[in-house]
PDB file of N, CA and C in Angstrom:
ATOM      1  N   MET A   1     117.906 185.572  72.179  1.00  0.00           N
ATOM      2  CA  MET A   1     116.863 186.506  72.543  1.00  0.00           C
ATOM      3  C   MET A   1     115.614 185.738  73.009  1.00  0.00           C
ATOM      4  N   GLN A   2     115.326 184.591  72.436  1.00  0.00           N
ATOM      5  CA  GLN A   2     114.125 183.888  72.847  1.00  0.00           C
ATOM      6  C   GLN A   2     114.187 183.490  74.307  1.00  0.00           C
ATOM      7  N   LYS A   3     115.420 183.180  74.838  1.00  0.00           N
ATOM      8  CA  LYS A   3     115.569 182.853  76.233  1.00  0.00           C
ATOM      9  C   LYS A   3     115.252 184.053  77.096  1.00  0.00           C
ATOM     10  N   ALA A   4     115.678 185.240  76.654  1.00  0.00           N
ATOM     11  CA  ALA A   4     115.472 186.459  77.417  1.00  0.00           C
ATOM     12  C   ALA A   4     113.987 186.760  77.625  1.00  0.00           C
ATOM     13  N   VAL A   5     113.169 186.389  76.692  1.00  0.00           N
ATOM     14  CA  VAL A   5     111.725 186.647  76.826  1.00  0.00           C
ATOM     15  C   VAL A   5     110.970 185.349  77.169  1.00  0.00           C
ATOM     16  N   ARG A   6     111.742 184.340  77.552  1.00  0.00           N
ATOM     17  CA  ARG A   6     111.210 183.020  78.031  1.00  0.00           C
ATOM     18  C   ARG A   6     110.317 182.342  76.997  1.00  0.00           C
ATOM     19  N   LEU A   7     110.781 182.367  75.759  1.00  0.00           N
ATOM     20  CA  LEU A   7     110.083 181.661  74.713  1.00  0.00           C
ATOM     21  C   LEU A   7     111.029 180.576  74.230  1.00  0.00           C
ATOM     22  N   SER A   8     110.522 179.364  74.190  1.00  0.00           N
ATOM     23  CA  SER A   8     111.390 178.259  73.643  1.00  0.00           C
ATOM     24  C   SER A   8     110.702 177.752  72.401  1.00  0.00           C
ATOM     25  N   ASN A   9     111.550 177.453  71.416  1.00  0.00           N
ATOM     26  CA  ASN A   9     111.125 176.952  70.095  1.00  0.00           C
ATOM     27  C   ASN A   9     110.143 177.942  69.420  1.00  0.00           C
ATOM     28  N   ARG A  10     110.425 179.235  69.580  1.00  0.00           N
ATOM     29  CA  ARG A  10     109.561 180.243  69.016  1.00  0.00           C
ATOM     30  C   ARG A  10     110.347 181.249  68.150  1.00  0.00           C
ATOM     31  N   VAL A  11     111.488 180.785  67.636  1.00  0.00           N
ATOM     32  CA  VAL A  11     112.340 181.668  66.804  1.00  0.00           C
ATOM     33  C   VAL A  11     111.552 182.251  65.642  1.00  0.00           C
ATOM     34  N   ALA A  12     110.759 181.441  64.994  1.00  0.00           N
ATOM     35  CA  ALA A  12     110.002 181.936  63.808  1.00  0.00           C
ATOM     36  C   ALA A  12     109.011 183.003  64.264  1.00  0.00           C
ATOM     37  N   LEU A  13     108.368 182.857  65.396  1.00  0.00           N
ATOM     38  CA  LEU A  13     107.395 183.820  65.856  1.00  0.00           C
ATOM     39  C   LEU A  13     108.109 185.140  66.209  1.00  0.00           C
ATOM     40  N   VAL A  14     109.223 185.050  66.882  1.00  0.00           N
ATOM     41  CA  VAL A  14     109.993 186.286  67.222  1.00  0.00           C
ATOM     42  C   VAL A  14     110.426 187.002  66.005  1.00  0.00           C
ATOM     43  N   CYS A  15     110.962 186.271  65.019  1.00  0.00           N
ATOM     44  CA  CYS A  15     111.423 186.923  63.781  1.00  0.00           C
ATOM     45  C   CYS A  15     110.279 187.526  63.007  1.00  0.00           C
ATOM     46  N   GLN A  16     109.106 186.864  62.951  1.00  0.00           N
ATOM     47  CA  GLN A  16     107.943 187.451  62.331  1.00  0.00           C
ATOM     48  C   GLN A  16     107.507 188.687  63.027  1.00  0.00           C
ATOM     49  N   ALA A  17     107.477 188.694  64.354  1.00  0.00           N
ATOM     50  CA  ALA A  17     107.107 189.873  65.091  1.00  0.00           C
ATOM     51  C   ALA A  17     108.021 191.065  64.860  1.00  0.00           C
ATOM     52  N   LEU A  18     109.314 190.825  64.741  1.00  0.00           N
ATOM     53  CA  LEU A  18     110.276 191.885  64.522  1.00  0.00           C
ATOM     54  C   LEU A  18     110.178 192.486  63.133  1.00  0.00           C
ATOM     55  N   LYS A  19     109.537 191.760  62.215  1.00  0.00           N
ATOM     56  CA  LYS A  19     109.322 192.296  60.856  1.00  0.00           C
ATOM     57  C   LYS A  19     107.884 192.762  60.645  1.00  0.00           C
ATOM     58  N   SER A  20     107.005 192.619  61.601  1.00  0.00           N
ATOM     59  CA  SER A  20     105.618 192.880  61.396  1.00  0.00           C
ATOM     60  C   SER A  20     105.299 194.349  61.221  1.00  0.00           C
ATOM     61  N   HIS A  21     104.284 194.659  60.446  1.00  0.00           N
ATOM     62  CA  HIS A  21     103.853 196.048  60.281  1.00  0.00           C
ATOM     63  C   HIS A  21     103.449 196.672  61.615  1.00  0.00           C
ATOM     64  N   LYS A  22     102.776 195.944  62.455  1.00  0.00           N
ATOM     65  CA  LYS A  22     102.347 196.463  63.727  1.00  0.00           C
ATOM     66  C   LYS A  22     103.555 196.912  64.562  1.00  0.00           C
ATOM     67  N   PHE A  23     104.573 196.075  64.672  1.00  0.00           N
ATOM     68  CA  PHE A  23     105.771 196.420  65.428  1.00  0.00           C
ATOM     69  C   PHE A  23     106.469 197.662  64.837  1.00  0.00           C
ATOM     70  N   LEU A  24     106.617 197.641  63.521  1.00  0.00           N
ATOM     71  CA  LEU A  24     107.280 198.774  62.833  1.00  0.00           C
ATOM     72  C   LEU A  24     106.496 200.039  62.983  1.00  0.00           C
ATOM     73  N   ASN A  25     105.202 200.024  62.797  1.00  0.00           N
ATOM     74  CA  ASN A  25     104.392 201.237  62.930  1.00  0.00           C
ATOM     75  C   ASN A  25     104.308 201.764  64.354  1.00  0.00           C
ATOM     76  N   GLU A  26     104.167 200.911  65.323  1.00  0.00           N
ATOM     77  CA  GLU A  26     104.008 201.367  66.713  1.00  0.00           C
ATOM     78  C   GLU A  26     105.346 201.966  67.236  1.00  0.00           C
ATOM     79  N   ASN A  27     106.474 201.565  66.661  1.00  0.00           N
ATOM     80  CA  ASN A  27     107.764 202.071  67.095  1.00  0.00           C
ATOM     81  C   ASN A  27     108.393 203.033  66.190  1.00  0.00           C
ATOM     82  N   HIS A  28     107.665 203.469  65.149  1.00  0.00           N
ATOM     83  CA  HIS A  28     108.115 204.458  64.183  1.00  0.00           C
ATOM     84  C   HIS A  28     109.426 204.023  63.525  1.00  0.00           C
ATOM     85  N   LEU A  29     109.381 202.764  63.001  1.00  0.00           N
ATOM     86  CA  LEU A  29     110.586 202.164  62.418  1.00  0.00           C
ATOM     87  C   LEU A  29     110.343 201.742  60.979  1.00  0.00           C
ATOM     88  N   VAL A  30     111.466 201.702  60.204  1.00  0.00           N
ATOM     89  CA  VAL A  30     111.443 201.106  58.931  1.00  0.00           C
ATOM     90  C   VAL A  30     112.502 199.995  58.976  1.00  0.00           C
ATOM     91  N   LEU A  31     112.144 198.829  58.474  1.00  0.00           N
ATOM     92  CA  LEU A  31     113.142 197.739  58.410  1.00  0.00           C
ATOM     93  C   LEU A  31     114.009 197.951  57.195  1.00  0.00           C
ATOM     94  N   GLU A  32     115.225 198.430  57.388  1.00  0.00           N
ATOM     95  CA  GLU A  32     116.099 198.777  56.291  1.00  0.00           C
ATOM     96  C   GLU A  32     116.607 197.476  55.606  1.00  0.00           C
ATOM     97  N   LYS A  33     117.015 196.517  56.430  1.00  0.00           N
ATOM     98  CA  LYS A  33     117.506 195.235  55.841  1.00  0.00           C
ATOM     99  C   LYS A  33     117.555 194.182  56.959  1.00  0.00           C
ATOM    100  N   TRP A  34     117.642 192.999  56.509  1.00  0.00           N
ATOM    101  CA  TRP A  34     117.908 191.885  57.425  1.00  0.00           C
ATOM    102  C   TRP A  34     118.869 190.965  56.778  1.00  0.00           C
ATOM    103  N   ASP A  35     119.808 190.431  57.590  1.00  0.00           N
ATOM    104  CA  ASP A  35     120.795 189.510  57.113  1.00  0.00           C
ATOM    105  C   ASP A  35     120.658 188.200  57.857  1.00  0.00           C
ATOM    106  N   GLY A  36     120.760 187.121  57.099  1.00  0.00           N
ATOM    107  CA  GLY A  36     120.640 185.801  57.699  1.00  0.00           C
ATOM    108  C   GLY A  36     120.201 184.810  56.625  1.00  0.00           C
ATOM    109  N   PRO A  37     119.735 183.692  57.057  1.00  0.00           N
ATOM    110  CA  PRO A  37     119.331 182.650  56.067  1.00  0.00           C
ATOM    111  C   PRO A  37     118.116 183.137  55.234  1.00  0.00           C
ATOM    112  N   PRO A  38     117.939 182.593  54.086  1.00  0.00           N
ATOM    113  CA  PRO A  38     116.830 182.982  53.198  1.00  0.00           C
ATOM    114  C   PRO A  38     115.439 182.984  53.880  1.00  0.00           C
ATOM    115  N   SER A  39     115.239 182.032  54.765  1.00  0.00           N
ATOM    116  CA  SER A  39     113.952 181.949  55.442  1.00  0.00           C
ATOM    117  C   SER A  39     113.711 183.109  56.379  1.00  0.00           C
ATOM    118  N   GLY A  40     114.771 183.786  56.818  1.00  0.00           N
ATOM    119  CA  GLY A  40     114.665 184.892  57.751  1.00  0.00           C
ATOM    120  C   GLY A  40     114.239 184.473  59.131  1.00  0.00           C
ATOM    121  N   MET A  41     114.274 183.164  59.376  1.00  0.00           N
ATOM    122  CA  MET A  41     113.820 182.649  60.673  1.00  0.00           C
ATOM    123  C   MET A  41     114.946 181.870  61.345  1.00  0.00           C
ATOM    124  N   SER A  42     115.780 182.601  62.064  1.00  0.00           N
ATOM    125  CA  SER A  42     116.905 182.008  62.717  1.00  0.00           C
ATOM    126  C   SER A  42     117.382 182.879  63.854  1.00  0.00           C
ATOM    127  N   THR A  43     118.081 182.297  64.804  1.00  0.00           N
ATOM    128  CA  THR A  43     118.643 183.081  65.900  1.00  0.00           C
ATOM    129  C   THR A  43     119.822 183.911  65.419  1.00  0.00           C
ATOM    130  N   THR A  44     120.265 183.709  64.199  1.00  0.00           N
ATOM    131  CA  THR A  44     121.427 184.472  63.641  1.00  0.00           C
ATOM    132  C   THR A  44     120.982 185.626  62.740  1.00  0.00           C
ATOM    133  N   VAL A  45     119.665 185.865  62.622  1.00  0.00           N
ATOM    134  CA  VAL A  45     119.190 186.940  61.768  1.00  0.00           C
ATOM    135  C   VAL A  45     119.529 188.256  62.420  1.00  0.00           C
ATOM    136  N   ILE A  46     119.986 189.229  61.629  1.00  0.00           N
ATOM    137  CA  ILE A  46     120.294 190.581  62.145  1.00  0.00           C
ATOM    138  C   ILE A  46     119.392 191.530  61.438  1.00  0.00           C
ATOM    139  N   PHE A  47     118.567 192.248  62.187  1.00  0.00           N
ATOM    140  CA  PHE A  47     117.642 193.257  61.660  1.00  0.00           C
ATOM    141  C   PHE A  47     118.293 194.650  61.817  1.00  0.00           C
ATOM    142  N   THR A  48     118.175 195.444  60.723  1.00  0.00           N
ATOM    143  CA  THR A  48     118.666 196.815  60.779  1.00  0.00           C
ATOM    144  C   THR A  48     117.480 197.751  60.562  1.00  0.00           C
ATOM    145  N   TYR A  49     117.163 198.567  61.575  1.00  0.00           N
ATOM    146  CA  TYR A  49     116.037 199.461  61.529  1.00  0.00           C
ATOM    147  C   TYR A  49     116.498 200.909  61.335  1.00  0.00           C
ATOM    148  N   ARG A  50     115.576 201.762  60.889  1.00  0.00           N
ATOM    149  CA  ARG A  50     115.762 203.182  60.800  1.00  0.00           C
ATOM    150  C   ARG A  50     114.613 203.848  61.467  1.00  0.00           C
ATOM    151  N   LEU A  51     114.882 204.831  62.313  1.00  0.00           N
ATOM    152  CA  LEU A  51     113.811 205.566  63.003  1.00  0.00           C
ATOM    153  C   LEU A  51     113.134 206.541  61.991  1.00  0.00           C
ATOM    154  N   LEU A  52     111.844 206.560  61.982  1.00  0.00           N
ATOM    155  CA  LEU A  52     111.100 207.487  61.163  1.00  0.00           C
ATOM    156  C   LEU A  52     110.946 208.825  61.877  1.00  0.00           C
ATOM    157  N   GLU A  53     110.753 209.872  61.079  1.00  0.00           N
ATOM    158  CA  GLU A  53     110.418 211.135  61.671  1.00  0.00           C
ATOM    159  C   GLU A  53     108.933 211.109  61.983  1.00  0.00           C
ATOM    160  N   GLU A  54     108.477 211.889  62.934  1.00  0.00           N
ATOM    161  CA  GLU A  54     107.090 211.932  63.285  1.00  0.00           C
ATOM    162  C   GLU A  54     106.309 212.598  62.158  1.00  0.00           C
ATOM    163  N   ALA A  55     105.085 212.247  61.999  1.00  0.00           N
ATOM    164  CA  ALA A  55     104.253 212.803  60.950  1.00  0.00           C
ATOM    165  C   ALA A  55     104.181 214.320  61.126  1.00  0.00           C
ATOM    166  N   GLY A  56     104.299 215.018  59.984  1.00  0.00           N
ATOM    167  CA  GLY A  56     104.147 216.480  60.012  1.00  0.00           C
ATOM    168  C   GLY A  56     105.420 217.197  60.306  1.00  0.00           C
ATOM    169  N   GLN A  57     106.515 216.510  60.596  1.00  0.00           N
ATOM    170  CA  GLN A  57     107.768 217.214  60.870  1.00  0.00           C
ATOM    171  C   GLN A  57     108.677 217.113  59.637  1.00  0.00           C
ATOM    172  N   THR A  58     109.431 218.169  59.379  1.00  0.00           N
ATOM    173  CA  THR A  58     110.346 218.121  58.326  1.00  0.00           C
ATOM    174  C   THR A  58     111.688 217.564  58.827  1.00  0.00           C
ATOM    175  N   SER A  59     112.561 217.193  57.912  1.00  0.00           N
ATOM    176  CA  SER A  59     113.828 216.604  58.369  1.00  0.00           C
ATOM    177  C   SER A  59     114.676 217.619  59.070  1.00  0.00           C
ATOM    178  N   SER A  60     114.444 218.882  58.909  1.00  0.00           N
ATOM    179  CA  SER A  60     115.261 219.936  59.592  1.00  0.00           C
ATOM    180  C   SER A  60     114.822 220.134  61.054  1.00  0.00           C
ATOM    181  N   GLU A  61     113.619 219.696  61.387  1.00  0.00           N
ATOM    182  CA  GLU A  61     113.126 219.825  62.725  1.00  0.00           C
ATOM    183  C   GLU A  61     113.671 218.700  63.624  1.00  0.00           C
ATOM    184  N   SER A  62     113.975 219.043  64.823  1.00  0.00           N
ATOM    185  CA  SER A  62     114.504 218.065  65.754  1.00  0.00           C
ATOM    186  C   SER A  62     113.383 217.138  66.244  1.00  0.00           C
ATOM    187  N   VAL A  63     113.621 215.843  66.247  1.00  0.00           N
ATOM    188  CA  VAL A  63     112.655 214.859  66.738  1.00  0.00           C
ATOM    189  C   VAL A  63     113.157 214.322  68.054  1.00  0.00           C
ATOM    190  N   GLU A  64     112.394 214.496  69.108  1.00  0.00           N
ATOM    191  CA  GLU A  64     112.832 214.014  70.389  1.00  0.00           C
ATOM    192  C   GLU A  64     112.101 212.731  70.709  1.00  0.00           C
ATOM    193  N   TRP A  65     112.814 211.619  70.598  1.00  0.00           N
ATOM    194  CA  TRP A  65     112.217 210.292  70.895  1.00  0.00           C
ATOM    195  C   TRP A  65     112.419 209.999  72.328  1.00  0.00           C
ATOM    196  N   PRO A  66     111.477 209.296  72.938  1.00  0.00           N
ATOM    197  CA  PRO A  66     111.624 208.873  74.354  1.00  0.00           C
ATOM    198  C   PRO A  66     112.950 208.157  74.605  1.00  0.00           C
ATOM    199  N   PHE A  67     113.318 207.281  73.676  1.00  0.00           N
ATOM    200  CA  PHE A  67     114.592 206.534  73.822  1.00  0.00           C
ATOM    201  C   PHE A  67     115.778 207.450  73.915  1.00  0.00           C
ATOM    202  N   LEU A  68     115.793 208.500  73.091  1.00  0.00           N
ATOM    203  CA  LEU A  68     116.910 209.435  73.084  1.00  0.00           C
ATOM    204  C   LEU A  68     116.954 210.268  74.335  1.00  0.00           C
ATOM    205  N   ARG A  69     115.820 210.429  75.027  1.00  0.00           N
ATOM    206  CA  ARG A  69     115.857 211.244  76.263  1.00  0.00           C
ATOM    207  C   ARG A  69     116.561 210.516  77.362  1.00  0.00           C
ATOM    208  N   LEU A  70     116.799 209.192  77.252  1.00  0.00           N
ATOM    209  CA  LEU A  70     117.525 208.420  78.209  1.00  0.00           C
ATOM    210  C   LEU A  70     119.030 208.710  78.182  1.00  0.00           C
ATOM    211  N   ARG A  71     119.476 209.287  77.071  1.00  0.00           N
ATOM    212  CA  ARG A  71     120.939 209.582  76.936  1.00  0.00           C
ATOM    213  C   ARG A  71     121.391 210.468  78.047  1.00  0.00           C
ATOM    214  N   GLY A  72     122.423 210.010  78.736  1.00  0.00           N
ATOM    215  CA  GLY A  72     123.008 210.804  79.820  1.00  0.00           C
ATOM    216  C   GLY A  72     122.297 210.679  81.134  1.00  0.00           C
ATOM    217  N   ILE A  73     121.352 209.779  81.226  1.00  0.00           N
ATOM    218  CA  ILE A  73     120.529 209.666  82.468  1.00  0.00           C
ATOM    219  C   ILE A  73     121.363 209.292  83.712  1.00  0.00           C
ATOM    220  N   GLY A  74     122.453 208.600  83.490  1.00  0.00           N
ATOM    221  CA  GLY A  74     123.281 208.194  84.618  1.00  0.00           C
ATOM    222  C   GLY A  74     124.424 209.159  84.987  1.00  0.00           C
ATOM    223  N   LYS A  75     124.509 210.234  84.218  1.00  0.00           N
ATOM    224  CA  LYS A  75     125.626 211.164  84.364  1.00  0.00           C
ATOM    225  C   LYS A  75     125.766 211.652  85.812  1.00  0.00           C
ATOM    226  N   GLU A  76     124.680 212.142  86.386  1.00  0.00           N
ATOM    227  CA  GLU A  76     124.785 212.674  87.760  1.00  0.00           C
ATOM    228  C   GLU A  76     124.989 211.583  88.775  1.00  0.00           C
ATOM    229  N   VAL A  77     124.408 210.431  88.543  1.00  0.00           N
ATOM    230  CA  VAL A  77     124.581 209.305  89.456  1.00  0.00           C
ATOM    231  C   VAL A  77     126.064 208.887  89.503  1.00  0.00           C
ATOM    232  N   PHE A  78     126.675 208.725  88.358  1.00  0.00           N
ATOM    233  CA  PHE A  78     128.061 208.306  88.320  1.00  0.00           C
ATOM    234  C   PHE A  78     128.964 209.405  88.868  1.00  0.00           C
ATOM    235  N   ARG A  79     128.629 210.680  88.600  1.00  0.00           N
ATOM    236  CA  ARG A  79     129.410 211.770  89.141  1.00  0.00           C
ATOM    237  C   ARG A  79     129.367 211.712  90.675  1.00  0.00           C
ATOM    238  N   SER A  80     128.226 211.406  91.268  1.00  0.00           N
ATOM    239  CA  SER A  80     128.152 211.359  92.710  1.00  0.00           C
ATOM    240  C   SER A  80     128.933 210.199  93.302  1.00  0.00           C
ATOM    241  N   LEU A  81     129.217 209.190  92.460  1.00  0.00           N
ATOM    242  CA  LEU A  81     129.936 208.011  92.890  1.00  0.00           C
ATOM    243  C   LEU A  81     131.452 208.086  92.557  1.00  0.00           C
ATOM    244  N   GLY A  82     131.862 209.243  92.126  1.00  0.00           N
ATOM    245  CA  GLY A  82     133.273 209.461  91.792  1.00  0.00           C
ATOM    246  C   GLY A  82     133.623 209.129  90.368  1.00  0.00           C
ATOM    247  N   GLY A  83     132.615 209.005  89.523  1.00  0.00           N
ATOM    248  CA  GLY A  83     132.869 208.734  88.111  1.00  0.00           C
ATOM    249  C   GLY A  83     132.620 207.293  87.764  1.00  0.00           C
ATOM    250  N   GLY A  84     132.413 207.021  86.477  1.00  0.00           N
ATOM    251  CA  GLY A  84     132.106 205.667  86.017  1.00  0.00           C
ATOM    252  C   GLY A  84     133.166 204.672  86.272  1.00  0.00           C
ATOM    253  N   GLU A  85     134.471 205.085  86.034  1.00  0.00           N
ATOM    254  CA  GLU A  85     135.611 204.152  86.235  1.00  0.00           C
ATOM    255  C   GLU A  85     135.724 203.760  87.682  1.00  0.00           C
ATOM    256  N   ALA A  86     135.555 204.779  88.581  1.00  0.00           N
ATOM    257  CA  ALA A  86     135.678 204.485  90.010  1.00  0.00           C
ATOM    258  C   ALA A  86     134.563 203.563  90.467  1.00  0.00           C
ATOM    259  N   PHE A  87     133.351 203.769  89.966  1.00  0.00           N
ATOM    260  CA  PHE A  87     132.220 202.882  90.303  1.00  0.00           C
ATOM    261  C   PHE A  87     132.493 201.465  89.855  1.00  0.00           C
ATOM    262  N   ILE A  88     132.955 201.259  88.642  1.00  0.00           N
ATOM    263  CA  ILE A  88     133.254 199.922  88.129  1.00  0.00           C
ATOM    264  C   ILE A  88     134.337 199.253  88.921  1.00  0.00           C
ATOM    265  N   ARG A  89     135.407 199.975  89.253  1.00  0.00           N
ATOM    266  CA  ARG A  89     136.488 199.460  90.027  1.00  0.00           C
ATOM    267  C   ARG A  89     136.047 198.986  91.406  1.00  0.00           C
ATOM    268  N   LYS A  90     135.181 199.798  92.067  1.00  0.00           N
ATOM    269  CA  LYS A  90     134.696 199.445  93.370  1.00  0.00           C
ATOM    270  C   LYS A  90     133.805 198.161  93.246  1.00  0.00           C
ATOM    271  N   GLU A  91     132.940 198.092  92.264  1.00  0.00           N
ATOM    272  CA  GLU A  91     132.097 196.948  92.060  1.00  0.00           C
ATOM    273  C   GLU A  91     132.911 195.673  91.825  1.00  0.00           C
ATOM    274  N   ARG A  92     133.993 195.766  91.085  1.00  0.00           N
ATOM    275  CA  ARG A  92     134.840 194.651  90.847  1.00  0.00           C
ATOM    276  C   ARG A  92     135.508 194.152  92.103  1.00  0.00           C
ATOM    277  N   GLU A  93     135.925 195.150  92.950  1.00  0.00           N
ATOM    278  CA  GLU A  93     136.540 194.753  94.204  1.00  0.00           C
ATOM    279  C   GLU A  93     135.603 194.037  95.142  1.00  0.00           C
ATOM    280  N   GLN A  94     134.338 194.385  95.082  1.00  0.00           N
ATOM    281  CA  GLN A  94     133.309 193.805  95.968  1.00  0.00           C
ATOM    282  C   GLN A  94     132.579 192.631  95.325  1.00  0.00           C
ATOM    283  N   PHE A  95     132.973 192.225  94.150  1.00  0.00           N
ATOM    284  CA  PHE A  95     132.241 191.164  93.471  1.00  0.00           C
ATOM    285  C   PHE A  95     132.268 189.869  94.223  1.00  0.00           C
ATOM    286  N   TYR A  96     133.403 189.499  94.730  1.00  0.00           N
ATOM    287  CA  TYR A  96     133.522 188.260  95.499  1.00  0.00           C
ATOM    288  C   TYR A  96     133.262 188.565  96.938  1.00  0.00           C
ATOM    289  N   GLY A  97     132.497 187.728  97.604  1.00  0.00           N
ATOM    290  CA  GLY A  97     132.232 187.919  99.052  1.00  0.00           C
ATOM    291  C   GLY A  97     133.452 187.518  99.872  1.00  0.00           C
ATOM    292  N   PRO A  98     133.380 187.765 101.136  1.00  0.00           N
ATOM    293  CA  PRO A  98     134.516 187.459 102.040  1.00  0.00           C
ATOM    294  C   PRO A  98     134.796 185.981 102.018  1.00  0.00           C
ATOM    295  N   GLY A  99     136.047 185.614 101.905  1.00  0.00           N
ATOM    296  CA  GLY A  99     136.515 184.214 101.976  1.00  0.00           C
ATOM    297  C   GLY A  99     136.358 183.458 100.637  1.00  0.00           C
ATOM    298  N   GLU A 100     135.859 184.103  99.590  1.00  0.00           N
ATOM    299  CA  GLU A 100     135.730 183.438  98.314  1.00  0.00           C
ATOM    300  C   GLU A 100     136.980 183.620  97.487  1.00  0.00           C
ATOM    301  N   ASP A 101     137.343 182.578  96.771  1.00  0.00           N
ATOM    302  CA  ASP A 101     138.511 182.642  95.910  1.00  0.00           C
ATOM    303  C   ASP A 101     138.206 183.461  94.640  1.00  0.00           C
ATOM    304  N   ARG A 102     139.239 184.123  94.169  1.00  0.00           N
ATOM    305  CA  ARG A 102     139.057 184.885  92.929  1.00  0.00           C
ATOM    306  C   ARG A 102     139.539 184.158  91.748  1.00  0.00           C
TER     307      ARG A 102
END
């Protein structure tokens, strides 16, 4: 992950940020558990989060999170392209340019 965000030798900082109160509060999360070395500072640490309900809502009320609104966003796009499988098949066929070995 540190390579993805262009941080080198910053594993400890990334791990601390993923456990910080600021990160958890701003994203409405609870850190349920983390698995990894006792220090909790490794590229092998696995964090498990739980989404919180918004303040003032009961558990029976539906919570619409921005992340969940993305669900199904590509449905119409893939339908217009003949479906997801057809799109992937076509992309695989065009992956190699003309004259390149497969």
